């Protein structure tokens, strides 16, 4: 008969390790985002052109 308690502990420990790893990586990437320099954002305006000639 399978040892269900042993199987449960193994699965629970692996899930706990995976969650801890994901939380650690999330925190690291959030720190990377926060410490990144501000982007250089510029508003571009189109050049004003004359009206095209009418083909009539």
PDB file of N, CA and C in Angstrom:
ATOM      1  N   UNK A   1       0.854  -1.182   0.000  1.00  0.00           N
ATOM      2  CA  UNK A   1       0.000   0.000   0.000  1.00  0.00           C
ATOM      3  C   UNK A   1       0.895   1.239   0.000  1.00  0.00           C
ATOM      4  N   UNK A   2       0.570   2.254  -0.809  1.00  0.00           N
ATOM      5  CA  UNK A   2       1.391   3.467  -0.873  1.00  0.00           C
ATOM      6  C   UNK A   2       1.369   4.214   0.463  1.00  0.00           C
ATOM      7  N   UNK A   3       2.471   4.862   0.731  1.00  0.00           N
ATOM      8  CA  UNK A   3       2.585   5.683   1.946  1.00  0.00           C
ATOM      9  C   UNK A   3       2.073   7.081   1.598  1.00  0.00           C
ATOM     10  N   UNK A   4       0.769   7.307   1.810  1.00  0.00           N
ATOM     11  CA  UNK A   4       0.140   8.565   1.418  1.00  0.00           C
ATOM     12  C   UNK A   4       0.692   9.760   2.187  1.00  0.00           C
ATOM     13  N   UNK A   5       1.044   9.559   3.441  1.00  0.00           N
ATOM     14  CA  UNK A   5       1.611  10.659   4.235  1.00  0.00           C
ATOM     15  C   UNK A   5       2.937  11.105   3.627  1.00  0.00           C
ATOM     16  N   UNK A   6       3.768  10.167   3.224  1.00  0.00           N
ATOM     17  CA  UNK A   6       5.058  10.486   2.610  1.00  0.00           C
ATOM     18  C   UNK A   6       4.839  11.186   1.260  1.00  0.00           C
ATOM     19  N   UNK A   7       3.870  10.690   0.491  1.00  0.00           N
ATOM     20  CA  UNK A   7       3.576  11.300  -0.803  1.00  0.00           C
ATOM     21  C   UNK A   7       3.079  12.735  -0.614  1.00  0.00           C
ATOM     22  N   UNK A   8       2.207  12.935   0.365  1.00  0.00           N
ATOM     23  CA  UNK A   8       1.658  14.266   0.630  1.00  0.00           C
ATOM     24  C   UNK A   8       2.768  15.229   1.046  1.00  0.00           C
ATOM     25  N   UNK A   9       3.646  14.797   1.956  1.00  0.00           N
ATOM     26  CA  UNK A   9       4.754  15.664   2.410  1.00  0.00           C
ATOM     27  C   UNK A   9       5.671  16.036   1.253  1.00  0.00           C
ATOM     28  N   UNK A  10       5.965  15.072   0.389  1.00  0.00           N
ATOM     29  CA  UNK A  10       6.831  15.345  -0.766  1.00  0.00           C
ATOM     30  C   UNK A  10       6.185  16.385  -1.688  1.00  0.00           C
ATOM     31  N   UNK A  11       4.906  16.211  -1.988  1.00  0.00           N
ATOM     32  CA  UNK A  11       4.190  17.144  -2.857  1.00  0.00           C
ATOM     33  C   UNK A  11       4.077  18.513  -2.202  1.00  0.00           C
ATOM     34  N   UNK A  12       3.721  18.546  -0.916  1.00  0.00           N
ATOM     35  CA  UNK A  12       3.575  19.806  -0.197  1.00  0.00           C
ATOM     36  C   UNK A  12       4.899  20.567  -0.159  1.00  0.00           C
ATOM     37  N   UNK A  13       5.994  19.882   0.115  1.00  0.00           N
ATOM     38  CA  UNK A  13       7.307  20.533   0.166  1.00  0.00           C
ATOM     39  C   UNK A  13       7.716  21.080  -1.201  1.00  0.00           C
ATOM     40  N   UNK A  14       7.441  20.341  -2.261  1.00  0.00           N
ATOM     41  CA  UNK A  14       7.773  20.810  -3.606  1.00  0.00           C
ATOM     42  C   UNK A  14       6.947  22.034  -3.973  1.00  0.00           C
ATOM     43  N   UNK A  15       5.663  22.024  -3.611  1.00  0.00           N
ATOM     44  CA  UNK A  15       4.811  23.180  -3.894  1.00  0.00           C
ATOM     45  C   UNK A  15       5.269  24.398  -3.098  1.00  0.00           C
ATOM     46  N   UNK A  16       5.634  24.190  -1.855  1.00  0.00           N
ATOM     47  CA  UNK A  16       6.118  25.295  -1.023  1.00  0.00           C
ATOM     48  C   UNK A  16       7.404  25.882  -1.593  1.00  0.00           C
ATOM     49  N   UNK A  17       8.300  25.021  -2.049  1.00  0.00           N
ATOM     50  CA  UNK A  17       9.553  25.494  -2.656  1.00  0.00           C
ATOM     51  C   UNK A  17       9.273  26.287  -3.927  1.00  0.00           C
ATOM     52  N   UNK A  18       8.338  25.806  -4.742  1.00  0.00           N
ATOM     53  CA  UNK A  18       8.007  26.494  -5.989  1.00  0.00           C
ATOM     54  C   UNK A  18       7.406  27.869  -5.707  1.00  0.00           C
ATOM     55  N   UNK A  19       6.517  27.953  -4.726  1.00  0.00           N
ATOM     56  CA  UNK A  19       5.900  29.237  -4.379  1.00  0.00           C
ATOM     57  C   UNK A  19       6.956  30.204  -3.871  1.00  0.00           C
ATOM     58  N   UNK A  20       7.843  29.725  -3.022  1.00  0.00           N
ATOM     59  CA  UNK A  20       8.909  30.585  -2.484  1.00  0.00           C
ATOM     60  C   UNK A  20       9.806  31.097  -3.604  1.00  0.00           C
ATOM     61  N   UNK A  21      10.130  30.237  -4.555  1.00  0.00           N
ATOM     62  CA  UNK A  21      10.967  30.644  -5.690  1.00  0.00           C
ATOM     63  C   UNK A  21      10.265  31.711  -6.517  1.00  0.00           C
ATOM     64  N   UNK A  22       8.989  31.512  -6.814  1.00  0.00           N
ATOM     65  CA  UNK A  22       8.235  32.496  -7.592  1.00  0.00           C
ATOM     66  C   UNK A  22       8.150  33.835  -6.862  1.00  0.00           C
ATOM     67  N   UNK A  23       7.941  33.802  -5.564  1.00  0.00           N
ATOM     68  CA  UNK A  23       7.878  35.047  -4.796  1.00  0.00           C
ATOM     69  C   UNK A  23       9.219  35.770  -4.807  1.00  0.00           C
ATOM     70  N   UNK A  24      10.304  35.014  -4.693  1.00  0.00           N
ATOM     71  CA  UNK A  24      11.643  35.609  -4.707  1.00  0.00           C
ATOM     72  C   UNK A  24      11.930  36.262  -6.059  1.00  0.00           C
ATOM     73  N   UNK A  25      11.616  35.573  -7.128  1.00  0.00           N
ATOM     74  CA  UNK A  25      11.868  36.105  -8.471  1.00  0.00           C
ATOM     75  C   UNK A  25      10.973  37.310  -8.739  1.00  0.00           C
ATOM     76  N   UNK A  26       9.736  37.277  -8.267  1.00  0.00           N
ATOM     77  CA  UNK A  26       8.850  38.423  -8.433  1.00  0.00           C
ATOM     78  C   UNK A  26       9.426  39.645  -7.722  1.00  0.00           C
ATOM     79  N   UNK A  27       9.920  39.442  -6.505  1.00  0.00           N
ATOM     80  CA  UNK A  27      10.500  40.552  -5.756  1.00  0.00           C
ATOM     81  C   UNK A  27      11.737  41.104  -6.472  1.00  0.00           C
ATOM     82  N   UNK A  28      12.583  40.223  -6.997  1.00  0.00           N
ATOM     83  CA  UNK A  28      13.779  40.666  -7.712  1.00  0.00           C
ATOM     84  C   UNK A  28      13.420  41.473  -8.955  1.00  0.00           C
ATOM     85  N   UNK A  29      12.422  41.014  -9.708  1.00  0.00           N
ATOM     86  CA  UNK A  29      12.061  41.739 -10.923  1.00  0.00           C
ATOM     87  C   UNK A  29      11.366  43.057 -10.594  1.00  0.00           C
ATOM     88  N   UNK A  30      10.623  43.107  -9.494  1.00  0.00           N
ATOM     89  CA  UNK A  30      10.035  44.382  -9.073  1.00  0.00           C
ATOM     90  C   UNK A  30      11.135  45.377  -8.701  1.00  0.00           C
ATOM     91  N   UNK A  31      12.173  44.906  -8.028  1.00  0.00           N
ATOM     92  CA  UNK A  31      13.310  45.766  -7.696  1.00  0.00           C
ATOM     93  C   UNK A  31      14.011  46.257  -8.957  1.00  0.00           C
ATOM     94  N   UNK A  32      14.144  45.384  -9.960  1.00  0.00           N
ATOM     95  CA  UNK A  32      14.752  45.793 -11.228  1.00  0.00           C
ATOM     96  C   UNK A  32      13.933  46.900 -11.868  1.00  0.00           C
ATOM     97  N   UNK A  33      12.611  46.768 -11.839  1.00  0.00           N
ATOM     98  CA  UNK A  33      11.716  47.771 -12.436  1.00  0.00           C
ATOM     99  C   UNK A  33      11.835  49.096 -11.698  1.00  0.00           C
ATOM    100  N   UNK A  34      11.817  49.035 -10.369  1.00  0.00           N
ATOM    101  CA  UNK A  34      11.875  50.258  -9.562  1.00  0.00           C
ATOM    102  C   UNK A  34      13.210  50.986  -9.741  1.00  0.00           C
ATOM    103  N   UNK A  35      14.294  50.243  -9.853  1.00  0.00           N
ATOM    104  CA  UNK A  35      15.611  50.869  -9.934  1.00  0.00           C
ATOM    105  C   UNK A  35      16.010  51.261 -11.357  1.00  0.00           C
ATOM    106  N   UNK A  36      15.197  50.940 -12.350  1.00  0.00           N
ATOM    107  CA  UNK A  36      15.507  51.297 -13.737  1.00  0.00           C
ATOM    108  C   UNK A  36      15.358  52.804 -13.925  1.00  0.00           C
ATOM    109  N   UNK A  37      16.178  53.393 -14.796  1.00  0.00           N
ATOM    110  CA  UNK A  37      16.051  54.835 -15.048  1.00  0.00           C
ATOM    111  C   UNK A  37      14.732  55.151 -15.747  1.00  0.00           C
ATOM    112  N   UNK A  38      14.278  56.365 -15.544  1.00  0.00           N
ATOM    113  CA  UNK A  38      13.044  56.800 -16.180  1.00  0.00           C
ATOM    114  C   UNK A  38      13.234  56.829 -17.701  1.00  0.00           C
ATOM    115  N   UNK A  39      12.241  56.413 -18.449  1.00  0.00           N
ATOM    116  CA  UNK A  39      12.368  56.449 -19.909  1.00  0.00           C
ATOM    117  C   UNK A  39      12.309  57.885 -20.422  1.00  0.00           C
ATOM    118  N   UNK A  40      12.946  58.114 -21.555  1.00  0.00           N
ATOM    119  CA  UNK A  40      12.937  59.424 -22.193  1.00  0.00           C
ATOM    120  C   UNK A  40      11.716  59.476 -23.115  1.00  0.00           C
ATOM    121  N   UNK A  41      10.656  60.080 -22.618  1.00  0.00           N
ATOM    122  CA  UNK A  41       9.401  60.133 -23.368  1.00  0.00           C
ATOM    123  C   UNK A  41       9.238  61.530 -23.962  1.00  0.00           C
ATOM    124  N   UNK A  42       8.997  61.560 -25.253  1.00  0.00           N
ATOM    125  CA  UNK A  42       8.816  62.838 -25.943  1.00  0.00           C
ATOM    126  C   UNK A  42       7.518  62.795 -26.732  1.00  0.00           C
ATOM    127  N   UNK A  43       6.830  63.921 -26.758  1.00  0.00           N
ATOM    128  CA  UNK A  43       5.614  64.023 -27.553  1.00  0.00           C
ATOM    129  C   UNK A  43       6.015  64.525 -28.933  1.00  0.00           C
ATOM    130  N   UNK A  44       5.677  63.770 -29.937  1.00  0.00           N
ATOM    131  CA  UNK A  44       5.999  64.146 -31.311  1.00  0.00           C
ATOM    132  C   UNK A  44       4.773  64.770 -31.949  1.00  0.00           C
ATOM    133  N   UNK A  45       4.984  65.890 -32.587  1.00  0.00           N
ATOM    134  CA  UNK A  45       3.883  66.539 -33.292  1.00  0.00           C
ATOM    135  C   UNK A  45       4.161  66.458 -34.783  1.00  0.00           C
ATOM    136  N   UNK A  46       3.147  66.186 -35.582  1.00  0.00           N
ATOM    137  CA  UNK A  46       3.365  66.072 -37.027  1.00  0.00           C
ATOM    138  C   UNK A  46       3.662  67.443 -37.625  1.00  0.00           C
ATOM    139  N   UNK A  47       4.457  67.422 -38.689  1.00  0.00           N
ATOM    140  CA  UNK A  47       4.755  68.669 -39.391  1.00  0.00           C
ATOM    141  C   UNK A  47       3.492  69.146 -40.091  1.00  0.00           C
ATOM    142  N   UNK A  48       3.301  70.438 -40.093  1.00  0.00           N
ATOM    143  CA  UNK A  48       2.129  71.002 -40.773  1.00  0.00           C
ATOM    144  C   UNK A  48       2.444  71.092 -42.264  1.00  0.00           C
ATOM    145  N   UNK A  49       1.560  70.581 -43.076  1.00  0.00           N
ATOM    146  CA  UNK A  49       1.761  70.623 -44.525  1.00  0.00           C
ATOM    147  C   UNK A  49       0.604  71.404 -45.151  1.00  0.00           C
ATOM    148  N   UNK A  50       0.864  71.854 -46.350  1.00  0.00           N
ATOM    149  CA  UNK A  50      -0.185  72.558 -47.071  1.00  0.00           C
ATOM    150  C   UNK A  50      -1.213  71.541 -47.552  1.00  0.00           C
ATOM    151  N   UNK A  51      -2.423  72.032 -47.823  1.00  0.00           N
ATOM    152  CA  UNK A  51      -3.462  71.140 -48.337  1.00  0.00           C
ATOM    153  C   UNK A  51      -3.039  70.620 -49.701  1.00  0.00           C
ATOM    154  N   UNK A  52      -3.266  69.344 -49.990  1.00  0.00           N
ATOM    155  CA  UNK A  52      -2.898  68.826 -51.317  1.00  0.00           C
ATOM    156  C   UNK A  52      -3.789  69.441 -52.385  1.00  0.00           C
ATOM    157  N   UNK A  53      -3.270  69.603 -53.610  1.00  0.00           N
ATOM    158  CA  UNK A  53      -4.082  70.215 -54.679  1.00  0.00           C
ATOM    159  C   UNK A  53      -5.267  69.327 -55.035  1.00  0.00           C
ATOM    160  N   UNK A  54      -6.357  69.983 -55.362  1.00  0.00           N
ATOM    161  CA  UNK A  54      -7.569  69.243 -55.749  1.00  0.00           C
ATOM    162  C   UNK A  54      -7.431  68.766 -57.198  1.00  0.00           C
ATOM    163  N   UNK A  55      -7.899  67.575 -57.501  1.00  0.00           N
ATOM    164  CA  UNK A  55      -7.797  67.001 -58.848  1.00  0.00           C
ATOM    165  C   UNK A  55      -9.028  67.327 -59.680  1.00  0.00           C
ATOM    166  N   UNK A  56      -9.663  68.426 -59.465  1.00  0.00           N
ATOM    167  CA  UNK A  56     -10.881  68.748 -60.216  1.00  0.00           C
ATOM    168  C   UNK A  56     -10.625  69.740 -61.277  1.00  0.00           C
TER     169      UNK A  56
END
